[in-house]
C-alpha cells in the first residue's frame, strides 16, 4: 500500500474512494438511530441535524460525500505543505484510515462538519510563509474557526493553537496575532446581533451559560478499547518508520514548521478529547495525526516492515467496522 499510494493517478483516487466506501458501508447497512443531540452552542450543526434527524439515509449519504471531499482536500493540503511529494495520495489514504477508524466516526457528527472549516485553516497556515500580504488570510482563518466552533464548540480552543502556529512561522507581530481573534469574533457578533433583533438573545445567552456551567474534564466515556486503540494510533503516528528519523528525508525549514503545527494541534485536541469525554467523537485529534502519518509513510525508505505493520492495521480497522455486524 505504501508504494501504491505514493503515486497520484486516477487509479489511486479511485482506490481512495473505494476504501472510504468500504469503511462507511457498515454505517449504511445499520443506519445510526440518532444524530448528536443539540447543545445550544452549535447552531449550524443543530440546524442541519434537525432536518437530517428523521432522514438517516440522507444523513449518511451527505456525511460520506463530505468525508470524501475532505479526504481529497487533505491530500492537496499535504502537497502544499510539502509533507508529501507532489505526485502522491498518501495524505488522502492517512485521512481515510484515521478519520474513519471506528464506526463512531462514520456518522454525520459535529467534528466531521467542523473539519470542513478546519482543513482550510490548515491550508492557509501552510501558505502564509510564502505570502507577502497575509492580513486577509489571517482574518479568514479566524472566521473559519468561528464557523467550525458553531458546528463543534470545542473547536474554539484551536484559536490558541493558531496563535502558537503563527509564532512557529515567525509571525510574532502583535497585529498579526490579533487579526485571527478579530476574525473569530466577527461571526459571533453577527450571530448574537441576529438573536438580539429576533428578541431571543437572553435564551441564546442562557444556552451558552448552561454549557459553560457544565464545562469540565471528564474521562467517564473512555473504555479500555478506546484507550488502547488511541495509544496504538498515536504510537504509530509519531514512531519513525524504517531507518529514517522524522525529518531525515526533508530538512526544509517550512516542512519542519508544518509538522510542528500539526503536533501543536494534536496537543490542543487532547484537551478537547477530555472535555468531550470521548476519544472517537473528537475527530480533530485524528485529523492532526493524519498529518504525521502522511509524512512518515511518504518518506520511509525501507518499506518491508512498515508495509507489514500497515497491512495489519488496515485489517484491524476493517475488523472493527465489520465484526459487530456479524456477531
C-alpha atoms as a PDB file:
ATOM      1  CA  UNK A   1       0.000   0.000   0.000  1.00  0.00           C
ATOM      2  CA  UNK A   2       2.863   2.386   0.749  1.00  0.00           C
ATOM      3  CA  UNK A   3       4.310   2.108  -2.745  1.00  0.00           C
ATOM      4  CA  UNK A   4       0.839   2.226  -4.312  1.00  0.00           C
ATOM      5  CA  UNK A   5      -0.319   5.436  -2.605  1.00  0.00           C
ATOM      6  CA  UNK A   6       2.988   7.180  -3.243  1.00  0.00           C
ATOM      7  CA  UNK A   7       1.673   7.897  -6.722  1.00  0.00           C
ATOM      8  CA  UNK A   8      -1.115  10.154  -7.905  1.00  0.00           C
ATOM      9  CA  UNK A   9      -3.031   8.722 -10.850  1.00  0.00           C
ATOM     10  CA  UNK A  10      -6.720   8.106 -11.414  1.00  0.00           C
ATOM     11  CA  UNK A  11      -6.390   4.583 -10.029  1.00  0.00           C
ATOM     12  CA  UNK A  12      -5.116   5.883  -6.665  1.00  0.00           C
ATOM     13  CA  UNK A  13      -8.033   8.304  -6.320  1.00  0.00           C
ATOM     14  CA  UNK A  14     -10.454   5.541  -7.261  1.00  0.00           C
ATOM     15  CA  UNK A  15      -8.823   3.289  -4.660  1.00  0.00           C
ATOM     16  CA  UNK A  16      -9.279   6.009  -2.021  1.00  0.00           C
ATOM     17  CA  UNK A  17     -12.951   6.291  -2.915  1.00  0.00           C
ATOM     18  CA  UNK A  18     -13.432   2.508  -2.717  1.00  0.00           C
ATOM     19  CA  UNK A  19     -11.546   2.318   0.576  1.00  0.00           C
ATOM     20  CA  UNK A  20     -13.689   5.085   2.056  1.00  0.00           C
ATOM     21  CA  UNK A  21     -16.866   3.399   0.818  1.00  0.00           C
ATOM     22  CA  UNK A  22     -15.871   0.055   2.350  1.00  0.00           C
ATOM     23  CA  UNK A  23     -15.210   1.684   5.717  1.00  0.00           C
ATOM     24  CA  UNK A  24     -18.519   3.568   5.628  1.00  0.00           C
ATOM     25  CA  UNK A  25     -20.583   0.662   4.240  1.00  0.00           C
ATOM     26  CA  UNK A  26     -21.438  -0.814   7.679  1.00  0.00           C
ATOM     27  CA  UNK A  27     -22.969   2.523   8.693  1.00  0.00           C
ATOM     28  CA  UNK A  28     -25.271   2.274   5.654  1.00  0.00           C
ATOM     29  CA  UNK A  29     -26.154  -1.325   6.500  1.00  0.00           C
ATOM     30  CA  UNK A  30     -27.078  -0.385  10.076  1.00  0.00           C
ATOM     31  CA  UNK A  31     -28.114   3.265   9.967  1.00  0.00           C
ATOM     32  CA  UNK A  32     -27.382   5.309  13.123  1.00  0.00           C
ATOM     33  CA  UNK A  33     -30.505   5.673  15.246  1.00  0.00           C
ATOM     34  CA  UNK A  34     -29.846   9.328  16.099  1.00  0.00           C
ATOM     35  CA  UNK A  35     -27.541  12.245  15.424  1.00  0.00           C
ATOM     36  CA  UNK A  36     -25.667  14.091  18.148  1.00  0.00           C
ATOM     37  CA  UNK A  37     -28.070  15.868  20.478  1.00  0.00           C
ATOM     38  CA  UNK A  38     -28.314  19.669  20.114  1.00  0.00           C
ATOM     39  CA  UNK A  39     -26.255  21.537  22.697  1.00  0.00           C
ATOM     40  CA  UNK A  40     -27.417  25.094  22.076  1.00  0.00           C
ATOM     41  CA  UNK A  41     -23.866  26.215  21.301  1.00  0.00           C
ATOM     42  CA  UNK A  42     -23.585  24.510  17.903  1.00  0.00           C
ATOM     43  CA  UNK A  43     -26.313  26.332  15.947  1.00  0.00           C
ATOM     44  CA  UNK A  44     -25.053  25.447  12.468  1.00  0.00           C
ATOM     45  CA  UNK A  45     -24.794  21.733  13.230  1.00  0.00           C
ATOM     46  CA  UNK A  46     -28.111  21.794  15.130  1.00  0.00           C
ATOM     47  CA  UNK A  47     -29.856  23.449  12.182  1.00  0.00           C
ATOM     48  CA  UNK A  48     -28.670  20.754   9.783  1.00  0.00           C
ATOM     49  CA  UNK A  49     -29.210  17.924  12.291  1.00  0.00           C
ATOM     50  CA  UNK A  50     -32.847  18.907  12.874  1.00  0.00           C
ATOM     51  CA  UNK A  51     -33.506  18.461   9.156  1.00  0.00           C
ATOM     52  CA  UNK A  52     -31.467  15.250   8.796  1.00  0.00           C
ATOM     53  CA  UNK A  53     -32.564  13.519  12.021  1.00  0.00           C
ATOM     54  CA  UNK A  54     -35.721  11.967  10.501  1.00  0.00           C
ATOM     55  CA  UNK A  55     -33.782  11.130   7.313  1.00  0.00           C
ATOM     56  CA  UNK A  56     -30.955   8.789   8.444  1.00  0.00           C
ATOM     57  CA  UNK A  57     -30.101   7.533   4.949  1.00  0.00           C
ATOM     58  CA  UNK A  58     -29.802  11.064   3.569  1.00  0.00           C
ATOM     59  CA  UNK A  59     -27.727  11.989   6.626  1.00  0.00           C
ATOM     60  CA  UNK A  60     -25.270   9.168   5.919  1.00  0.00           C
ATOM     61  CA  UNK A  61     -25.039   9.998   2.213  1.00  0.00           C
ATOM     62  CA  UNK A  62     -24.261  13.659   2.933  1.00  0.00           C
ATOM     63  CA  UNK A  63     -21.758  12.708   5.635  1.00  0.00           C
ATOM     64  CA  UNK A  64     -19.984  10.260   3.327  1.00  0.00           C
ATOM     65  CA  UNK A  65     -19.760  12.755   0.466  1.00  0.00           C
ATOM     66  CA  UNK A  66     -18.418  15.396   2.855  1.00  0.00           C
ATOM     67  CA  UNK A  67     -15.876  12.874   4.148  1.00  0.00           C
ATOM     68  CA  UNK A  68     -14.639  12.063   0.630  1.00  0.00           C
ATOM     69  CA  UNK A  69     -14.287  15.743  -0.312  1.00  0.00           C
ATOM     70  CA  UNK A  70     -12.344  16.370   2.905  1.00  0.00           C
ATOM     71  CA  UNK A  71     -10.041  13.416   2.183  1.00  0.00           C
ATOM     72  CA  UNK A  72      -9.147  14.719  -1.288  1.00  0.00           C
ATOM     73  CA  UNK A  73      -8.699  18.262   0.030  1.00  0.00           C
ATOM     74  CA  UNK A  74      -6.492  16.987   2.862  1.00  0.00           C
ATOM     75  CA  UNK A  75      -4.265  15.288   0.300  1.00  0.00           C
ATOM     76  CA  UNK A  76      -3.904  18.609  -1.537  1.00  0.00           C
ATOM     77  CA  UNK A  77      -3.013  20.340   1.741  1.00  0.00           C
ATOM     78  CA  UNK A  78      -0.235  17.828   2.386  1.00  0.00           C
ATOM     79  CA  UNK A  79       1.183  18.559  -1.077  1.00  0.00           C
ATOM     80  CA  UNK A  80       1.028  22.322  -0.466  1.00  0.00           C
ATOM     81  CA  UNK A  81       2.689  21.834   2.916  1.00  0.00           C
ATOM     82  CA  UNK A  82       5.388  19.660   1.283  1.00  0.00           C
ATOM     83  CA  UNK A  83       4.800  16.883   3.799  1.00  0.00           C
ATOM     84  CA  UNK A  84       4.315  14.508   0.880  1.00  0.00           C
ATOM     85  CA  UNK A  85       5.553  14.540  -2.744  1.00  0.00           C
ATOM     86  CA  UNK A  86       3.542  16.344  -5.411  1.00  0.00           C
ATOM     87  CA  UNK A  87       2.612  13.046  -7.045  1.00  0.00           C
ATOM     88  CA  UNK A  88       1.216  11.195  -4.041  1.00  0.00           C
ATOM     89  CA  UNK A  89      -2.121  10.264  -2.475  1.00  0.00           C
ATOM     90  CA  UNK A  90      -0.632   9.187   0.847  1.00  0.00           C
ATOM     91  CA  UNK A  91      -2.315  12.090   2.630  1.00  0.00           C
ATOM     92  CA  UNK A  92      -5.732  11.010   1.420  1.00  0.00           C
ATOM     93  CA  UNK A  93      -5.017   7.434   2.488  1.00  0.00           C
ATOM     94  CA  UNK A  94      -3.945   8.503   6.001  1.00  0.00           C
ATOM     95  CA  UNK A  95      -7.027  10.719   6.334  1.00  0.00           C
ATOM     96  CA  UNK A  96      -9.448   7.990   5.229  1.00  0.00           C
ATOM     97  CA  UNK A  97      -7.989   5.401   7.610  1.00  0.00           C
ATOM     98  CA  UNK A  98      -7.815   7.640  10.691  1.00  0.00           C
ATOM     99  CA  UNK A  99     -10.935   9.727  10.243  1.00  0.00           C
ATOM    100  CA  UNK A 100     -12.966   6.525   9.711  1.00  0.00           C
ATOM    101  CA  UNK A 101     -11.067   4.440  12.231  1.00  0.00           C
ATOM    102  CA  UNK A 102     -14.180   3.292  14.119  1.00  0.00           C
ATOM    103  CA  UNK A 103     -17.940   3.137  13.425  1.00  0.00           C
ATOM    104  CA  UNK A 104     -18.435   6.099  15.782  1.00  0.00           C
ATOM    105  CA  UNK A 105     -16.657   8.307  13.242  1.00  0.00           C
ATOM    106  CA  UNK A 106     -18.717   7.210  10.231  1.00  0.00           C
ATOM    107  CA  UNK A 107     -21.742   9.373  11.003  1.00  0.00           C
ATOM    108  CA  UNK A 108     -22.807  12.950  10.426  1.00  0.00           C
ATOM    109  CA  UNK A 109     -21.040  14.286  13.518  1.00  0.00           C
ATOM    110  CA  UNK A 110     -20.201  17.815  14.726  1.00  0.00           C
ATOM    111  CA  UNK A 111     -16.480  17.040  14.390  1.00  0.00           C
ATOM    112  CA  UNK A 112     -16.875  15.938  10.753  1.00  0.00           C
ATOM    113  CA  UNK A 113     -18.738  19.133   9.890  1.00  0.00           C
ATOM    114  CA  UNK A 114     -16.200  21.253  11.781  1.00  0.00           C
ATOM    115  CA  UNK A 115     -13.363  19.586   9.850  1.00  0.00           C
ATOM    116  CA  UNK A 116     -14.725  21.180   6.686  1.00  0.00           C
ATOM    117  CA  UNK A 117     -13.675  24.541   8.165  1.00  0.00           C
ATOM    118  CA  UNK A 118     -10.529  23.357   9.983  1.00  0.00           C
ATOM    119  CA  UNK A 119      -8.963  21.994   6.786  1.00  0.00           C
ATOM    120  CA  UNK A 120      -8.976  25.398   5.005  1.00  0.00           C
ATOM    121  CA  UNK A 121      -7.359  26.855   8.135  1.00  0.00           C
ATOM    122  CA  UNK A 122      -4.539  24.332   7.879  1.00  0.00           C
ATOM    123  CA  UNK A 123      -4.237  25.115   4.163  1.00  0.00           C
ATOM    124  CA  UNK A 124      -3.939  28.861   4.829  1.00  0.00           C
ATOM    125  CA  UNK A 125      -1.426  28.356   7.632  1.00  0.00           C
ATOM    126  CA  UNK A 126       0.770  26.311   5.304  1.00  0.00           C
ATOM    127  CA  UNK A 127       0.582  29.021   2.617  1.00  0.00           C
ATOM    128  CA  UNK A 128       1.268  32.035   4.851  1.00  0.00           C
ATOM    129  CA  UNK A 129       5.116  31.814   4.810  1.00  0.00           C
ATOM    130  CA  UNK A 130       5.115  32.219   1.020  1.00  0.00           C
ATOM    131  CA  UNK A 131       2.802  35.255   1.004  1.00  0.00           C
ATOM    132  CA  UNK A 132       3.736  38.930   1.252  1.00  0.00           C
ATOM    133  CA  UNK A 133       0.310  40.214   2.332  1.00  0.00           C
ATOM    134  CA  UNK A 134      -1.272  37.896   4.896  1.00  0.00           C
ATOM    135  CA  UNK A 135      -3.859  40.099   6.605  1.00  0.00           C
ATOM    136  CA  UNK A 136      -6.818  38.796   4.581  1.00  0.00           C
ATOM    137  CA  UNK A 137      -5.771  35.185   5.110  1.00  0.00           C
ATOM    138  CA  UNK A 138      -5.358  35.731   8.843  1.00  0.00           C
ATOM    139  CA  UNK A 139      -8.818  37.255   9.016  1.00  0.00           C
ATOM    140  CA  UNK A 140     -10.253  34.321   7.067  1.00  0.00           C
ATOM    141  CA  UNK A 141      -8.560  31.902   9.454  1.00  0.00           C
ATOM    142  CA  UNK A 142     -10.381  33.476  12.393  1.00  0.00           C
ATOM    143  CA  UNK A 143     -13.729  33.479  10.564  1.00  0.00           C
ATOM    144  CA  UNK A 144     -13.323  29.833   9.549  1.00  0.00           C
ATOM    145  CA  UNK A 145     -12.535  28.839  13.124  1.00  0.00           C
ATOM    146  CA  UNK A 146     -15.660  30.625  14.369  1.00  0.00           C
ATOM    147  CA  UNK A 147     -17.717  28.695  11.809  1.00  0.00           C
ATOM    148  CA  UNK A 148     -16.077  25.459  12.964  1.00  0.00           C
ATOM    149  CA  UNK A 149     -16.942  26.269  16.577  1.00  0.00           C
ATOM    150  CA  UNK A 150     -20.639  26.745  15.797  1.00  0.00           C
ATOM    151  CA  UNK A 151     -20.541  23.209  14.407  1.00  0.00           C
ATOM    152  CA  UNK A 152     -18.373  21.733  17.169  1.00  0.00           C
ATOM    153  CA  UNK A 153     -17.888  24.181  20.019  1.00  0.00           C
ATOM    154  CA  UNK A 154     -14.658  22.717  21.391  1.00  0.00           C
ATOM    155  CA  UNK A 155     -13.028  23.838  18.131  1.00  0.00           C
ATOM    156  CA  UNK A 156     -12.838  27.306  19.695  1.00  0.00           C
ATOM    157  CA  UNK A 157      -9.846  26.043  21.694  1.00  0.00           C
ATOM    158  CA  UNK A 158      -7.916  25.956  18.447  1.00  0.00           C
ATOM    159  CA  UNK A 159      -7.747  29.753  18.496  1.00  0.00           C
ATOM    160  CA  UNK A 160      -4.856  29.320  20.932  1.00  0.00           C
ATOM    161  CA  UNK A 161      -3.338  26.759  18.572  1.00  0.00           C
ATOM    162  CA  UNK A 162      -3.467  29.320  15.761  1.00  0.00           C
ATOM    163  CA  UNK A 163      -1.551  31.804  17.915  1.00  0.00           C
ATOM    164  CA  UNK A 164       1.160  29.198  18.540  1.00  0.00           C
ATOM    165  CA  UNK A 165       1.189  28.202  14.849  1.00  0.00           C
ATOM    166  CA  UNK A 166       1.809  31.808  13.808  1.00  0.00           C
ATOM    167  CA  UNK A 167       4.622  32.031  16.350  1.00  0.00           C
ATOM    168  CA  UNK A 168       6.193  28.888  14.870  1.00  0.00           C
ATOM    169  CA  UNK A 169       6.112  30.619  11.486  1.00  0.00           C
ATOM    170  CA  UNK A 170       7.838  33.657  12.991  1.00  0.00           C
ATOM    171  CA  UNK A 171       4.689  35.788  12.704  1.00  0.00           C
ATOM    172  CA  UNK A 172       5.380  37.426  16.047  1.00  0.00           C
ATOM    173  CA  UNK A 173       3.817  40.771  15.204  1.00  0.00           C
ATOM    174  CA  UNK A 174       1.106  41.612  17.724  1.00  0.00           C
ATOM    175  CA  UNK A 175      -1.041  42.890  14.868  1.00  0.00           C
ATOM    176  CA  UNK A 176      -0.784  39.556  13.057  1.00  0.00           C
ATOM    177  CA  UNK A 177      -1.697  37.707  16.255  1.00  0.00           C
ATOM    178  CA  UNK A 178      -4.771  39.878  16.803  1.00  0.00           C
ATOM    179  CA  UNK A 179      -6.223  39.612  13.292  1.00  0.00           C
ATOM    180  CA  UNK A 180      -7.411  35.964  13.668  1.00  0.00           C
ATOM    181  CA  UNK A 181      -9.007  36.883  17.008  1.00  0.00           C
ATOM    182  CA  UNK A 182     -10.918  39.716  15.342  1.00  0.00           C
ATOM    183  CA  UNK A 183     -11.948  37.339  12.549  1.00  0.00           C
ATOM    184  CA  UNK A 184     -13.135  34.817  15.136  1.00  0.00           C
ATOM    185  CA  UNK A 185     -15.289  37.415  16.921  1.00  0.00           C
ATOM    186  CA  UNK A 186     -16.979  38.773  13.787  1.00  0.00           C
ATOM    187  CA  UNK A 187     -19.320  35.769  13.116  1.00  0.00           C
ATOM    188  CA  UNK A 188     -20.275  35.655  16.792  1.00  0.00           C
ATOM    189  CA  UNK A 189     -21.022  39.377  16.776  1.00  0.00           C
ATOM    190  CA  UNK A 190     -23.277  38.830  13.779  1.00  0.00           C
ATOM    191  CA  UNK A 191     -24.826  35.729  15.396  1.00  0.00           C
ATOM    192  CA  UNK A 192     -25.741  37.476  18.650  1.00  0.00           C
ATOM    193  CA  UNK A 193     -26.917  40.569  16.749  1.00  0.00           C
ATOM    194  CA  UNK A 194     -29.377  38.391  14.807  1.00  0.00           C
ATOM    195  CA  UNK A 195     -30.721  36.927  18.051  1.00  0.00           C
ATOM    196  CA  UNK A 196     -30.975  40.424  19.534  1.00  0.00           C
ATOM    197  CA  UNK A 197     -33.094  41.502  16.569  1.00  0.00           C
ATOM    198  CA  UNK A 198     -35.222  38.343  16.869  1.00  0.00           C
ATOM    199  CA  UNK A 199     -35.746  39.067  20.573  1.00  0.00           C
ATOM    200  CA  UNK A 200     -34.357  35.786  21.914  1.00  0.00           C
ATOM    201  CA  UNK A 201     -30.885  36.947  22.891  1.00  0.00           C
ATOM    202  CA  UNK A 202     -31.480  36.073  26.554  1.00  0.00           C
ATOM    203  CA  UNK A 203     -32.405  32.476  25.702  1.00  0.00           C
ATOM    204  CA  UNK A 204     -29.344  32.158  23.476  1.00  0.00           C
ATOM    205  CA  UNK A 205     -27.083  33.591  26.182  1.00  0.00           C
ATOM    206  CA  UNK A 206     -28.613  31.159  28.706  1.00  0.00           C
ATOM    207  CA  UNK A 207     -27.799  28.232  26.402  1.00  0.00           C
ATOM    208  CA  UNK A 208     -24.140  29.261  26.371  1.00  0.00           C
ATOM    209  CA  UNK A 209     -24.203  29.924  30.105  1.00  0.00           C
ATOM    210  CA  UNK A 210     -25.634  26.467  30.753  1.00  0.00           C
ATOM    211  CA  UNK A 211     -22.974  24.870  28.572  1.00  0.00           C
ATOM    212  CA  UNK A 212     -20.132  26.616  30.379  1.00  0.00           C
ATOM    213  CA  UNK A 213     -21.592  25.804  33.794  1.00  0.00           C
ATOM    214  CA  UNK A 214     -21.218  22.107  32.971  1.00  0.00           C
ATOM    215  CA  UNK A 215     -17.783  22.653  31.461  1.00  0.00           C
ATOM    216  CA  UNK A 216     -15.258  20.268  32.971  1.00  0.00           C
ATOM    217  CA  UNK A 217     -12.787  17.489  32.390  1.00  0.00           C
ATOM    218  CA  UNK A 218     -14.260  14.017  32.058  1.00  0.00           C
ATOM    219  CA  UNK A 219     -12.947  10.509  31.462  1.00  0.00           C
ATOM    220  CA  UNK A 220     -16.258   8.736  32.033  1.00  0.00           C
ATOM    221  CA  UNK A 221     -16.678   7.882  28.362  1.00  0.00           C
ATOM    222  CA  UNK A 222     -13.256   6.256  27.986  1.00  0.00           C
ATOM    223  CA  UNK A 223     -13.076   2.490  27.638  1.00  0.00           C
ATOM    224  CA  UNK A 224     -10.151   0.102  27.561  1.00  0.00           C
ATOM    225  CA  UNK A 225     -10.740  -0.453  23.847  1.00  0.00           C
ATOM    226  CA  UNK A 226     -10.751   3.267  23.015  1.00  0.00           C
ATOM    227  CA  UNK A 227      -7.675   3.974  25.128  1.00  0.00           C
ATOM    228  CA  UNK A 228      -5.674   1.076  23.689  1.00  0.00           C
ATOM    229  CA  UNK A 229      -6.719   1.887  20.110  1.00  0.00           C
ATOM    230  CA  UNK A 230      -5.850   5.547  20.524  1.00  0.00           C
ATOM    231  CA  UNK A 231      -2.487   4.708  22.119  1.00  0.00           C
ATOM    232  CA  UNK A 232      -1.590   2.415  19.210  1.00  0.00           C
ATOM    233  CA  UNK A 233      -2.571   5.073  16.639  1.00  0.00           C
ATOM    234  CA  UNK A 234      -0.552   7.762  18.435  1.00  0.00           C
ATOM    235  CA  UNK A 235       2.459   5.449  18.697  1.00  0.00           C
ATOM    236  CA  UNK A 236       2.347   4.584  15.010  1.00  0.00           C
ATOM    237  CA  UNK A 237       1.886   8.256  14.114  1.00  0.00           C
ATOM    238  CA  UNK A 238       4.943   9.512  15.972  1.00  0.00           C
ATOM    239  CA  UNK A 239       7.157   6.436  15.672  1.00  0.00           C
ATOM    240  CA  UNK A 240       9.829   6.930  12.980  1.00  0.00           C
ATOM    241  CA  UNK A 241       9.391   4.309  10.264  1.00  0.00           C
ATOM    242  CA  UNK A 242      12.175   2.269   8.753  1.00  0.00           C
ATOM    243  CA  UNK A 243      15.675   3.633   9.252  1.00  0.00           C
ATOM    244  CA  UNK A 244      14.596   7.257   8.926  1.00  0.00           C
ATOM    245  CA  UNK A 245      14.015   9.729  11.689  1.00  0.00           C
ATOM    246  CA  UNK A 246      11.013  12.019  11.326  1.00  0.00           C
ATOM    247  CA  UNK A 247      12.982  14.695   9.488  1.00  0.00           C
ATOM    248  CA  UNK A 248      15.767  12.656   7.917  1.00  0.00           C
ATOM    249  CA  UNK A 249      14.404  12.893   4.386  1.00  0.00           C
ATOM    250  CA  UNK A 250      13.398  16.529   4.435  1.00  0.00           C
ATOM    251  CA  UNK A 251      15.383  19.288   6.091  1.00  0.00           C
ATOM    252  CA  UNK A 252      13.482  22.265   4.746  1.00  0.00           C
ATOM    253  CA  UNK A 253      12.540  24.725   7.462  1.00  0.00           C
ATOM    254  CA  UNK A 254       8.963  25.156   6.280  1.00  0.00           C
ATOM    255  CA  UNK A 255       8.348  21.398   6.319  1.00  0.00           C
ATOM    256  CA  UNK A 256       9.564  21.154   9.908  1.00  0.00           C
ATOM    257  CA  UNK A 257       7.306  24.076  10.764  1.00  0.00           C
ATOM    258  CA  UNK A 258       4.308  22.396   9.158  1.00  0.00           C
ATOM    259  CA  UNK A 259       4.915  19.181  11.086  1.00  0.00           C
ATOM    260  CA  UNK A 260       5.280  21.216  14.274  1.00  0.00           C
ATOM    261  CA  UNK A 261       1.961  22.955  13.577  1.00  0.00           C
ATOM    262  CA  UNK A 262       0.258  19.544  13.339  1.00  0.00           C
ATOM    263  CA  UNK A 263       1.920  18.463  16.596  1.00  0.00           C
ATOM    264  CA  UNK A 264       0.670  21.595  18.352  1.00  0.00           C
ATOM    265  CA  UNK A 265      -2.823  20.965  17.013  1.00  0.00           C
ATOM    266  CA  UNK A 266      -2.714  17.434  18.382  1.00  0.00           C
ATOM    267  CA  UNK A 267      -1.758  18.742  21.846  1.00  0.00           C
ATOM    268  CA  UNK A 268      -4.831  21.001  21.932  1.00  0.00           C
ATOM    269  CA  UNK A 269      -7.106  18.237  20.655  1.00  0.00           C
ATOM    270  CA  UNK A 270      -6.026  16.133  23.644  1.00  0.00           C
ATOM    271  CA  UNK A 271      -7.696  18.758  25.847  1.00  0.00           C
ATOM    272  CA  UNK A 272     -10.749  18.606  23.593  1.00  0.00           C
ATOM    273  CA  UNK A 273     -10.886  14.812  23.990  1.00  0.00           C
ATOM    274  CA  UNK A 274     -11.011  15.089  27.776  1.00  0.00           C
ATOM    275  CA  UNK A 275     -13.616  17.858  27.623  1.00  0.00           C
ATOM    276  CA  UNK A 276     -15.668  15.761  25.200  1.00  0.00           C
ATOM    277  CA  UNK A 277     -15.307  12.689  27.395  1.00  0.00           C
ATOM    278  CA  UNK A 278     -14.919  10.533  24.277  1.00  0.00           C
ATOM    279  CA  UNK A 279     -11.900   9.810  22.119  1.00  0.00           C
ATOM    280  CA  UNK A 280     -13.547   8.939  18.828  1.00  0.00           C
ATOM    281  CA  UNK A 281     -16.151  11.712  18.856  1.00  0.00           C
ATOM    282  CA  UNK A 282     -13.291  14.244  18.799  1.00  0.00           C
ATOM    283  CA  UNK A 283     -12.304  13.642  15.193  1.00  0.00           C
ATOM    284  CA  UNK A 284      -9.969  16.636  15.111  1.00  0.00           C
ATOM    285  CA  UNK A 285      -7.358  14.650  17.037  1.00  0.00           C
ATOM    286  CA  UNK A 286      -7.228  12.143  14.187  1.00  0.00           C
ATOM    287  CA  UNK A 287      -7.042  14.998  11.704  1.00  0.00           C
ATOM    288  CA  UNK A 288      -3.819  16.169  13.342  1.00  0.00           C
ATOM    289  CA  UNK A 289      -2.457  12.619  13.483  1.00  0.00           C
ATOM    290  CA  UNK A 290      -3.184  12.195   9.759  1.00  0.00           C
ATOM    291  CA  UNK A 291      -0.505  14.806   9.018  1.00  0.00           C
ATOM    292  CA  UNK A 292       2.131  12.774  10.846  1.00  0.00           C
ATOM    293  CA  UNK A 293       1.022   9.519   9.229  1.00  0.00           C
ATOM    294  CA  UNK A 294       1.088  11.079   5.792  1.00  0.00           C
ATOM    295  CA  UNK A 295       4.606  12.397   6.303  1.00  0.00           C
ATOM    296  CA  UNK A 296       6.019   9.190   7.800  1.00  0.00           C
ATOM    297  CA  UNK A 297       4.520   6.893   5.164  1.00  0.00           C
ATOM    298  CA  UNK A 298       5.603   9.213   2.347  1.00  0.00           C
ATOM    299  CA  UNK A 299       9.260   9.311   3.390  1.00  0.00           C
ATOM    300  CA  UNK A 300      10.037   5.846   4.716  1.00  0.00           C
ATOM    301  CA  UNK A 301      12.851   4.275   2.680  1.00  0.00           C
ATOM    302  CA  UNK A 302      12.663   0.583   3.564  1.00  0.00           C
ATOM    303  CA  UNK A 303       9.042  -0.433   3.251  1.00  0.00           C
ATOM    304  CA  UNK A 304       9.151  -4.133   4.207  1.00  0.00           C
ATOM    305  CA  UNK A 305       8.297  -3.862   7.910  1.00  0.00           C
ATOM    306  CA  UNK A 306       6.225  -0.662   7.669  1.00  0.00           C
ATOM    307  CA  UNK A 307       4.205  -2.342   4.913  1.00  0.00           C
ATOM    308  CA  UNK A 308       3.537  -5.354   7.115  1.00  0.00           C
ATOM    309  CA  UNK A 309       2.510  -3.164  10.046  1.00  0.00           C
ATOM    310  CA  UNK A 310       0.272  -1.099   7.783  1.00  0.00           C
ATOM    311  CA  UNK A 311      -1.431  -4.201   6.380  1.00  0.00           C
ATOM    312  CA  UNK A 312      -2.148  -5.425   9.901  1.00  0.00           C
ATOM    313  CA  UNK A 313      -3.534  -2.024  10.889  1.00  0.00           C
ATOM    314  CA  UNK A 314      -5.813  -1.926   7.840  1.00  0.00           C
ATOM    315  CA  UNK A 315      -7.099  -5.436   8.627  1.00  0.00           C
ATOM    316  CA  UNK A 316      -7.710  -4.410  12.242  1.00  0.00           C
ATOM    317  CA  UNK A 317      -9.665  -1.318  11.141  1.00  0.00           C
ATOM    318  CA  UNK A 318     -11.884  -3.377   8.862  1.00  0.00           C
ATOM    319  CA  UNK A 319     -12.420  -5.874  11.690  1.00  0.00           C
ATOM    320  CA  UNK A 320     -13.536  -3.038  13.979  1.00  0.00           C
ATOM    321  CA  UNK A 321     -16.137  -1.999  11.397  1.00  0.00           C
ATOM    322  CA  UNK A 322     -17.450  -5.372  10.234  1.00  0.00           C
ATOM    323  CA  UNK A 323     -17.236  -7.759  13.214  1.00  0.00           C
ATOM    324  CA  UNK A 324     -20.083  -6.028  15.128  1.00  0.00           C
ATOM    325  CA  UNK A 325     -22.378  -6.596  12.132  1.00  0.00           C
ATOM    326  CA  UNK A 326     -21.878 -10.338  12.001  1.00  0.00           C
ATOM    327  CA  UNK A 327     -21.555 -11.061  15.718  1.00  0.00           C
END
